[in-house]
Amino acid sequence: MKKVLALIAAIAMLFSLGAVLTACNRNNNDNDNDYTEYTTEEYTTEYEEETTEANDETTEANGETTTAAAATTDDNDNEDVDPYLPPANLNTLSQAQQLEYFNRVVNRVNRERPGHTQVQVLRIESLDFTGLVGAAPIQAIINTIVNNLMPGDPETRVRTPGQDTQYYWMSNSPNFGSNLRTQDITRITSTRQGNNWRIEVRVRDEVNPQHFVSSHGRISSIQTREQIVAAIMDDAPVSGDPNNATVRYQNGFAWVVVNPQGQIIEAANGFDVNAQINGARIGGGVIGVNTDVTAHQTSRWTYNNFRW
């Protein structure tokens, strides 16, 4: 009976963890030294700085747009210079210059709010437990439930022209869709596709990233380890210490296709997550079970059918 109760508690935890990982729609590197880890103190300080910088950049961008709109390409005509037009030599510019243009066109979606369709695919690839909960018969039951919880079925959401994109487009930030810096990425490439440009960035791997101020947080919606552990403890008979949890974000990416008018006509972003909670306890008293939990999840978003 105790084993049965422990199994029930484990399954309850599974459903909770599935719900937490699903919330990522708001939301294996062998060398951990390749990851950057964020602390709460670093997050608080950097977030305040980034918020100020974001506001300053928004003001500056508005000023640049006004100045650019007032400029003319030739003394003999009055054609305005459009800051969103892709440079003819985009692929030969420096990484910093390409990234600056990438951020500009991504954030144009926040400013002008074109209608578009988002398709979200969230999938738990595996959910592993140690100890009694990880025994083969129980793990088989868990795997079956995982396949039903987050099978990776596409979920479609539509934004109408003019509808607010806050907490929805790319980074999930209220201020920007992308705020990537050169130190956040491993590479950026710009490639001609007929009259359009396809710009793709690859984000460096991280440990325990925070919202908006980490590399992944600047381009995608993420969940922190504190949020994951707190949600599990709220929704299931599980206890655990966030300090014993490690969340690795890997294989982060984003790409956009920009037409000759500097409008995004297609885009995508995503990442892989490896979340581990050590020393968790399922249930309490004599039926409590100690276990480590490791969850592997993939998160992908695609955007198309843009209506500017």
Protein backbone atom coordinates (compact mmCIF):
# COMPACT_ATOMS: atom_id res chain seq x y z
CA MET A 1 0.00 0.00 0.00
CA LYS A 2 2.81 2.38 0.83
CA LYS A 3 4.31 1.83 -2.62
CA VAL A 4 0.96 2.46 -4.23
CA LEU A 5 0.53 5.70 -2.30
CA ALA A 6 4.04 6.72 -3.26
CA LEU A 7 3.20 6.02 -6.90
CA ILE A 8 0.07 8.14 -6.66
CA ALA A 9 2.13 10.95 -5.17
CA ALA A 10 4.70 10.58 -7.95
CA ILE A 11 2.01 10.77 -10.61
CA ALA A 12 0.55 13.85 -8.91
CA MET A 13 3.98 15.43 -9.09
CA LEU A 14 4.24 14.46 -12.74
CA PHE A 15 1.02 16.27 -13.63
CA SER A 16 2.24 19.30 -11.69
CA LEU A 17 5.60 19.32 -13.45
CA GLY A 18 3.86 18.97 -16.79
CA ALA A 19 1.72 22.01 -15.98
CA VAL A 20 4.81 23.98 -14.97
CA LEU A 21 6.67 23.13 -18.14
CA THR A 22 3.59 23.97 -20.17
CA ALA A 23 3.69 27.40 -18.57
CA CYS A 24 6.99 27.99 -20.36
CA ASN A 25 4.96 29.35 -23.25
CA ARG A 26 4.87 32.48 -21.23
CA ASN A 27 7.07 29.95 -22.04
CA ASN A 28 23.63 18.16 -23.54
CA ASN A 29 26.55 20.13 -23.11
CA ASP A 30 29.33 17.95 -21.61
CA ASN A 31 31.17 20.98 -20.22
CA ASP A 32 29.26 22.98 -17.62
CA ASN A 33 31.85 25.72 -17.87
CA ASP A 34 30.20 26.71 -21.14
CA TYR A 35 27.13 27.83 -19.21
CA THR A 36 26.57 31.15 -17.46
CA GLU A 37 24.76 31.03 -14.14
CA TYR A 38 22.61 33.88 -12.82
CA THR A 39 21.95 34.68 -9.16
CA THR A 40 18.97 36.53 -7.70
CA GLU A 41 21.20 39.47 -6.76
CA GLU A 42 22.62 39.70 -10.28
CA TYR A 43 19.13 39.50 -11.70
CA THR A 44 17.76 42.30 -9.54
CA THR A 45 20.61 44.68 -10.27
CA GLU A 46 20.85 43.87 -13.95
CA TYR A 47 17.09 43.98 -14.42
CA GLU A 48 16.95 47.52 -13.04
CA GLU A 49 19.82 48.51 -15.30
CA GLU A 50 18.30 46.81 -18.33
CA THR A 51 14.90 48.41 -17.69
CA THR A 52 16.55 51.83 -17.66
CA GLU A 53 18.58 50.95 -20.75
CA ALA A 54 15.47 49.64 -22.53
CA ASN A 55 13.60 52.86 -21.81
CA ASP A 56 16.59 54.93 -22.95
CA GLU A 57 16.95 52.82 -26.08
CA THR A 58 13.23 53.19 -26.83
CA THR A 59 13.50 56.98 -26.51
CA GLU A 60 16.66 57.01 -28.58
CA ALA A 61 15.12 54.72 -31.20
CA ASN A 62 12.10 57.01 -31.45
CA GLY A 63 14.41 59.96 -31.89
CA GLU A 64 16.43 58.14 -34.54
CA THR A 65 13.27 57.17 -36.38
CA THR A 66 12.06 60.77 -36.39
CA THR A 67 15.44 62.01 -37.58
CA ALA A 68 15.65 59.34 -40.27
CA ALA A 69 12.13 60.07 -41.45
CA ALA A 70 13.04 63.72 -41.89
CA ALA A 71 16.15 62.97 -43.92
CA THR A 72 16.16 62.69 -47.72
CA THR A 73 18.15 60.38 -49.96
CA ASP A 74 18.81 63.10 -52.50
CA ASP A 75 18.68 66.88 -52.56
CA ASN A 76 16.50 66.68 -55.67
CA ASP A 77 13.70 64.57 -54.13
CA ASN A 78 11.81 64.23 -50.85
CA GLU A 79 11.90 60.46 -50.36
CA ASP A 80 12.16 59.62 -46.65
CA VAL A 81 14.84 57.28 -45.38
CA ASP A 82 13.23 54.23 -43.81
CA PRO A 83 15.39 52.86 -40.95
CA TYR A 84 13.83 49.41 -41.36
CA LEU A 85 14.92 48.89 -44.98
CA PRO A 86 17.49 46.06 -45.05
CA PRO A 87 20.98 47.20 -46.07
CA ALA A 88 22.03 45.87 -49.47
CA ASN A 89 25.26 44.56 -47.88
CA LEU A 90 23.63 43.12 -44.74
CA ASN A 91 25.53 39.82 -44.95
CA THR A 92 28.91 41.59 -45.02
CA LEU A 93 28.27 43.79 -41.99
CA SER A 94 29.83 43.01 -38.62
CA GLN A 95 28.00 40.75 -36.18
CA ALA A 96 27.17 43.78 -34.02
CA GLN A 97 25.68 45.65 -36.99
CA GLN A 98 23.65 42.63 -38.14
CA LEU A 99 22.38 42.08 -34.59
CA GLU A 100 21.40 45.74 -34.28
CA TYR A 101 19.29 45.43 -37.42
CA PHE A 102 17.83 42.12 -36.22
CA ASN A 103 16.69 43.71 -32.94
CA ARG A 104 15.27 46.68 -34.82
CA VAL A 105 13.01 44.67 -37.13
CA VAL A 106 11.92 42.31 -34.33
CA ASN A 107 10.94 45.24 -32.13
CA ARG A 108 9.09 46.81 -35.06
CA VAL A 109 6.45 44.11 -34.48
CA ASN A 110 5.96 45.44 -30.94
CA ARG A 111 5.59 49.00 -32.20
CA GLU A 112 3.38 48.49 -35.26
CA ARG A 113 1.49 45.36 -34.13
CA PRO A 114 0.83 43.57 -37.41
CA GLY A 115 -1.64 40.72 -37.40
CA HIS A 116 -0.03 37.27 -37.51
CA THR A 117 -0.41 33.64 -36.50
CA GLN A 118 1.67 31.92 -33.82
CA VAL A 119 2.06 28.14 -33.63
CA GLN A 120 3.42 26.84 -30.33
CA VAL A 121 4.85 23.33 -29.87
CA LEU A 122 5.87 22.27 -26.35
CA ARG A 123 7.03 18.73 -25.76
CA ILE A 124 8.39 16.78 -22.78
CA GLU A 125 10.95 14.48 -24.31
CA SER A 126 11.51 12.54 -21.08
CA LEU A 127 10.88 12.74 -17.33
CA ASP A 128 13.19 10.62 -15.19
CA PHE A 129 13.15 9.79 -11.47
CA THR A 130 15.65 8.03 -9.21
CA GLY A 131 15.02 5.49 -6.46
CA LEU A 132 11.68 3.71 -6.08
CA VAL A 133 9.89 6.20 -8.32
CA GLY A 134 12.40 5.45 -11.06
CA ALA A 135 11.79 1.68 -10.99
CA ALA A 136 11.06 0.25 -14.44
CA PRO A 137 7.32 -0.50 -13.97
CA ILE A 138 6.61 2.92 -12.48
CA GLN A 139 8.78 4.72 -15.03
CA ALA A 140 6.83 3.02 -17.81
CA ILE A 141 3.58 4.41 -16.37
CA ILE A 142 5.17 7.84 -16.07
CA ASN A 143 6.35 7.76 -19.68
CA THR A 144 2.82 6.95 -20.85
CA ILE A 145 1.43 9.89 -18.88
CA VAL A 146 4.17 12.18 -20.23
CA ASN A 147 3.17 11.33 -23.79
CA ASN A 148 -0.39 12.39 -22.97
CA LEU A 149 0.61 15.52 -21.03
CA MET A 150 2.81 17.30 -23.54
CA PRO A 151 2.91 15.28 -26.77
CA GLY A 152 4.06 18.25 -28.82
CA ASP A 153 0.73 18.91 -30.53
CA PRO A 154 0.74 22.33 -32.25
CA GLU A 155 -1.31 25.07 -30.57
CA THR A 156 -2.32 27.96 -32.82
CA ARG A 157 -3.01 31.50 -31.64
CA VAL A 158 -3.94 34.44 -33.87
CA ARG A 159 -3.18 38.13 -33.34
CA THR A 160 -5.34 40.62 -35.25
CA PRO A 161 -3.78 43.83 -36.65
CA GLY A 162 -3.32 46.35 -33.84
CA GLN A 163 -3.63 43.77 -31.06
CA ASP A 164 -1.12 44.13 -28.23
CA THR A 165 1.91 41.81 -28.50
CA GLN A 166 3.20 42.30 -24.93
CA TYR A 167 3.98 39.02 -23.13
CA TYR A 168 3.49 37.23 -26.44
CA TRP A 169 6.02 38.12 -29.12
CA MET A 170 9.46 36.52 -28.91
CA SER A 171 10.99 37.50 -25.52
CA ASN A 172 7.72 37.86 -23.56
CA SER A 173 9.02 41.22 -22.30
CA PRO A 174 6.68 44.21 -21.98
CA ASN A 175 9.35 46.43 -23.55
CA PHE A 176 10.93 44.51 -26.40
CA GLY A 177 10.72 41.41 -28.59
CA SER A 178 14.51 41.09 -28.80
CA ASN A 179 17.21 42.81 -26.78
CA LEU A 180 20.11 40.56 -27.71
CA ARG A 181 23.70 41.71 -27.31
CA THR A 182 26.72 40.34 -29.15
CA GLN A 183 27.85 38.54 -25.97
CA ASP A 184 24.50 36.71 -25.84
CA ILE A 185 25.00 34.90 -29.14
CA THR A 186 27.44 32.43 -30.63
CA ARG A 187 26.77 33.57 -34.20
CA ILE A 188 24.47 35.51 -36.52
CA THR A 189 24.04 34.93 -40.25
CA SER A 190 22.15 36.90 -42.90
CA THR A 191 21.27 35.12 -46.15
CA ARG A 192 19.53 36.30 -49.30
CA GLN A 193 16.27 34.51 -50.18
CA GLY A 194 15.19 36.06 -53.46
CA ASN A 195 14.30 39.67 -52.59
CA ASN A 196 14.11 38.86 -48.87
CA TRP A 197 16.68 38.41 -46.11
CA ARG A 198 16.75 35.54 -43.62
CA ILE A 199 18.57 36.48 -40.41
CA GLU A 200 19.33 33.78 -37.83
CA VAL A 201 20.93 34.02 -34.39
CA ARG A 202 22.19 31.24 -32.14
CA VAL A 203 22.09 31.85 -28.39
CA ARG A 204 24.75 30.59 -26.00
CA ASP A 205 23.82 27.93 -23.42
CA GLU A 206 23.01 29.03 -19.86
CA VAL A 207 22.36 27.72 -16.36
CA ASN A 208 19.49 29.14 -14.27
CA PRO A 209 18.74 32.16 -16.51
CA GLN A 210 16.46 34.97 -15.39
CA HIS A 211 13.75 36.85 -17.26
CA PHE A 212 14.75 39.54 -19.78
CA VAL A 213 18.34 39.99 -18.56
CA SER A 214 19.78 36.62 -19.56
CA SER A 215 20.72 35.59 -23.08
CA HIS A 216 17.66 33.35 -23.57
CA GLY A 217 15.42 35.78 -21.70
CA ARG A 218 16.28 38.52 -24.20
CA ILE A 219 14.77 36.57 -27.11
CA SER A 220 12.40 33.90 -25.71
CA SER A 221 9.93 33.41 -22.87
CA ILE A 222 11.47 31.26 -20.14
CA GLN A 223 10.79 29.84 -16.69
CA THR A 224 13.31 30.22 -13.86
CA ARG A 225 14.23 27.43 -11.47
CA GLU A 226 12.53 29.28 -8.61
CA GLN A 227 9.27 29.39 -10.56
CA ILE A 228 9.47 25.71 -11.49
CA VAL A 229 10.13 24.50 -7.94
CA ALA A 230 7.54 26.87 -6.41
CA ALA A 231 4.84 25.70 -8.80
CA ILE A 232 5.57 22.04 -8.08
CA MET A 233 5.41 22.59 -4.31
CA ASP A 234 2.14 24.52 -4.67
CA ASP A 235 0.37 21.94 -6.83
CA ALA A 236 1.64 18.57 -5.60
CA PRO A 237 2.72 16.78 -2.38
CA VAL A 238 6.35 17.57 -3.14
CA SER A 239 9.01 19.44 -1.21
CA GLY A 240 12.26 20.69 -2.65
CA ASP A 241 14.86 23.41 -2.35
CA PRO A 242 15.30 25.75 -5.36
CA ASN A 243 19.00 25.92 -4.47
CA ASN A 244 19.18 22.21 -5.32
CA ALA A 245 17.59 22.74 -8.72
CA THR A 246 19.47 23.33 -11.95
CA VAL A 247 17.82 24.47 -15.17
CA ARG A 248 19.92 24.39 -18.31
CA TYR A 249 18.78 26.24 -21.43
CA GLN A 250 20.42 24.87 -24.56
CA ASN A 251 20.31 25.24 -28.34
CA GLY A 252 18.55 28.62 -28.22
CA PHE A 253 17.82 30.20 -31.58
CA ALA A 254 15.70 32.76 -33.42
CA TRP A 255 15.31 33.65 -37.07
CA VAL A 256 13.28 36.09 -39.12
CA VAL A 257 12.59 36.58 -42.82
CA VAL A 258 12.45 40.28 -43.76
CA ASN A 259 10.95 41.57 -47.01
CA PRO A 260 12.39 44.50 -49.04
CA GLN A 261 10.21 46.91 -47.00
CA GLY A 262 11.88 45.79 -43.75
CA GLN A 263 8.79 43.91 -42.55
CA ILE A 264 9.00 40.49 -40.96
CA ILE A 265 6.96 38.00 -42.96
CA GLU A 266 8.01 34.83 -41.13
CA ALA A 267 9.84 34.04 -37.87
CA ALA A 268 10.64 31.36 -35.30
CA ASN A 269 12.38 30.96 -31.95
CA GLY A 270 12.94 28.24 -29.38
CA PHE A 271 15.25 26.30 -27.08
CA ASP A 272 15.76 23.00 -25.25
CA VAL A 273 15.49 22.70 -21.45
CA ASN A 274 17.13 20.25 -19.07
CA ALA A 275 15.65 20.79 -15.58
CA GLN A 276 16.91 18.81 -12.61
CA ILE A 277 15.74 18.90 -8.97
CA ASN A 278 17.95 17.01 -6.53
CA GLY A 279 16.80 15.82 -3.11
CA ALA A 280 13.08 16.25 -3.77
CA ARG A 281 10.62 14.42 -1.54
CA ILE A 282 7.27 13.12 -2.71
CA GLY A 283 4.63 12.77 -0.01
CA GLY A 284 5.31 12.99 3.71
CA GLY A 285 5.58 10.93 6.86
CA VAL A 286 6.11 7.18 6.50
CA ILE A 287 5.02 7.15 2.86
CA GLY A 288 7.39 9.87 1.75
CA VAL A 289 9.84 8.99 -1.03
CA ASN A 290 13.11 10.73 -1.82
CA THR A 291 13.99 11.15 -5.49
CA ASP A 292 15.82 13.27 -8.00
CA VAL A 293 13.81 14.53 -10.96
CA THR A 294 15.14 15.34 -14.41
CA ALA A 295 12.91 16.73 -17.16
CA HIS A 296 13.89 17.28 -20.79
CA GLN A 297 11.67 19.59 -22.81
CA THR A 298 11.71 21.28 -26.22
CA SER A 299 9.93 24.61 -26.84
CA ARG A 300 9.31 26.01 -30.31
CA TRP A 301 7.31 28.97 -31.64
CA THR A 302 6.74 29.85 -35.30
CA TYR A 303 5.08 33.02 -36.64
CA ASN A 304 3.58 33.49 -40.10
CA ASN A 305 0.67 35.03 -42.03
CA PHE A 306 1.81 38.54 -41.14
CA ARG A 307 -0.64 41.32 -42.03
CA TRP A 308 1.04 44.75 -41.88
